[in-house]
Amino acid sequence: ISFSFILNYILDIERCDLNIKSNSSSHHTELFGEERLLVRRGEPFIIILHLKHGSEEFKQGETSFTLIVETGPLPRKESDTKVSFSLGESIVDTEWSASALNESSGNTVSVTINSSPNSPIGLYSLTLDQEGQKTNLGNFILLFNAWCPRDAVYMQSETKRQEYVLSQHGQIYKGTHKRIKGMPWNFGQFGEGILDICLKMLDENPKFVFDADKDCSARRNPVYVTRVLSAMINSNDDRGVLVGKWGEISDGVHPGEWIGSGDILRQWAERGPVRYGQCWVFASLACTVSRSLGIPCRVVTNFGSAHDSDANLLIENLYDEDGESLSNGDSIWNFHVWVDSWMARPDLGSKYDGWQASDPTPQERSDGVFCCGPASLRSIKEGELTKKYDAPFIFAEVSFTVGFKIKIGSTKSVGRFISTKAVGSDKRRDITHKYKYAEGSAEERQVYEKAQHHNKLQQRGEEPGLHLKIKLSDGMIMGSDFEVYAVLTNNHMETKTCNFLFIAKAVSYNGKLGDTCGFISDRVEVPSGEERRLSLKLEYDSYGSVITSDRLILLSAITVDKQTIDYHKAEKTIVLDEPDIEIKLVGEALVNQPVTAEMTLLNPLPEPLHNCSFTVEGVDLTNGKPITVKYVRSIPKQEAKTSVELSPTSSGSSVLLVNFDSDNLRNIKSFINVVVMA
């Protein structure tokens, strides 16, 4: 009789080397630093066990041990927040597994560990178990993995992974669809302490507080995590990050002053909800947190963004004969900013994989909470409004028909020039085609039928009637006086007589109207085939004190024929040009050597600027925090100048962001690319 058996040798472990530098490089986490181990799921990493002198050697096939990984406050096998796995001959790329190899020195063991590509993300402990004798090997953080084909956030293109996961800088687009302007933003997702704050955000969300086990288990799913972030970025239902405010701001930080996410997130971690933000700040924070956790993400701006408050798939705007709005609730924002995140949608079907829109700006409740999305761009484009989550609301933002009416309705479309930063450059990319079919196409008509939209498509081309247009002049610069024109053309066969009004009002980016800054009216007689023009001069003395930091003015041209109740309205929102900030470095930027940046801005206003400040921020340029230089005043039409000393801490490319602020000229932004030499 013969027996075969394996002797289990107990290894006497002196210490464990988590091999941070090598693992960070292979897992694309080196930008987080080398203080701790951060790995991406579904990808193998290697740790080194150093054995004590005199310990049994590791022998392949004879020495065996079990590894235990745990995450969350209540790790459980049933929730996949606790997993035990033994050594195998090789790792398995679909589950937690490990293999080991004795190094040539004999007193070190190289252990290769592969995590499941479907594991919950978060902070893990790693324990080695030898027949009940347990050794704590250390902790690591597990992130989503856009490089792993088996991960739900897998993105095939390396250039896109570089942009949507690793890039720490971006462009946020603001203004109007006629005058789009990019604004630089420092996402800073690899900044000191930022990842810990992102994980803290997950741990403070109400779902975690209610059921920590279920919440931690659900963190395997990027759809779930994105929905949680959408709620936690705003503070409406919880102790979320940012308080929104769209009116007069007398306390806190004006939303336009922020130039990066890091300062906001650190303030929240230290003191709770931060005052204040608006849509582009909410979205930029969501992008920072998503990229930090490993979810590919981009910031998206929709120009002419509809807000359907009563979910009836119609934006209703009612006006009186003087052009004053009588409607409440529904609105058209000049622009609105949200995020797209890249992930699979097994809950909807593979054809809905890819970009998913989510909106952390608190507008309407979803499942009782102020959050929105993620909704598949495919479902939005196809008008499939039963697909999770919140597809009808986002569909409304980009695809509504808007009714302007007294008794007779005319329409205009929304959702134009949907924009995001291009991959690998600072240029704007138009992604409207990802959200909707071309206006007037057969596909668009099918979408409207599928969505049971009861408004007919707008008829195009010149029809008999009165036609209104608004024309602009050059040189609409903040601080200047300029003229705008309303042109009325009569395409009727007979002469028309009507009241002709031209009104200018301050307006915020979310469509909220302010005070009037210009008005002219006339009663005109327009023969057939001819036109009449009203000229309205907008003077700084009139608009300067009423416009917001968005620098937007809404122009409304109106004609009313009281006898026939014939009403026509044309609207155009203009954005005033802002002065440029000239930024230049004095000398070459070298690692660990101070370098001076000089900033210059010409005051375009016919009045002094008071409480002036330049704020600068740059990854590895300003020690992780904004630097602000203040001075008292800048005289009219003269340059405001200052300089700041930068402290480059690593070589490579970075971006220096600059914000100028004052009492009457607010939140002027610019940037330069900086190459730091070793």
Foldseek 3Di string as FASTA:
>chain_A
DDDDDAAAFDFAFPAKAQVAVVQCVVQVNCLLPRPAHEHEALDKGKMKTFTDPPTDFDDPPRHKKKKWKADFPDGDVVLLRIDIEMADCDADSAAWYKHWDQDPVRRMIMMMTHHHLLHFWAKMWMWIGDPNDIDTRGIYTYFHGLCHPVHQQPDDDPLLCCVQQPDQKFWDWDFFLVDIDTFIAGLPLSFPPNLVLLRVLLCFQVVCVVPVSNSRSVNSDVFSSLQSLLQQCEPPPGQHQADEDDDDDDDFDDQLVHRYQLVSSVCCVVPTYGDHHFQVNSASNSSSSCSSRPWGKWKKKWAFFKAQQVLPLAQEWEADQQGDTPDPDIFTFRMGMHMWTFGADPVVDRVLGTTFTWGSGQDDDWPNTRIWDRHRLVCLALLVCVDDDRSSRRNSGAFGWYWYDDPDTATDGTGPQIWTADRPDRDIDRPSVSNYPDQPDPSRVNSCVSNVPPDDGHDDDDDAAKDKDKAADPDLAQAAKGKIKIKIAHQHQAKDKWKKKKWKFAADSGGRTKDTQWIDIDIDIAGHGGMDMDMIMGHCVRVLVIHDLQQKMKMKIWIADPVVRDIDIDIDIGHHDYWDKDKDWDDAAAAQDKTKIKIKTFAAHQAKWAFKKKWKDKVQWASSDIDIDTDGIDGHRGMDMDMDITHRHDFAKMKMKMFMDTDRNGNDIDIDIHGYHD
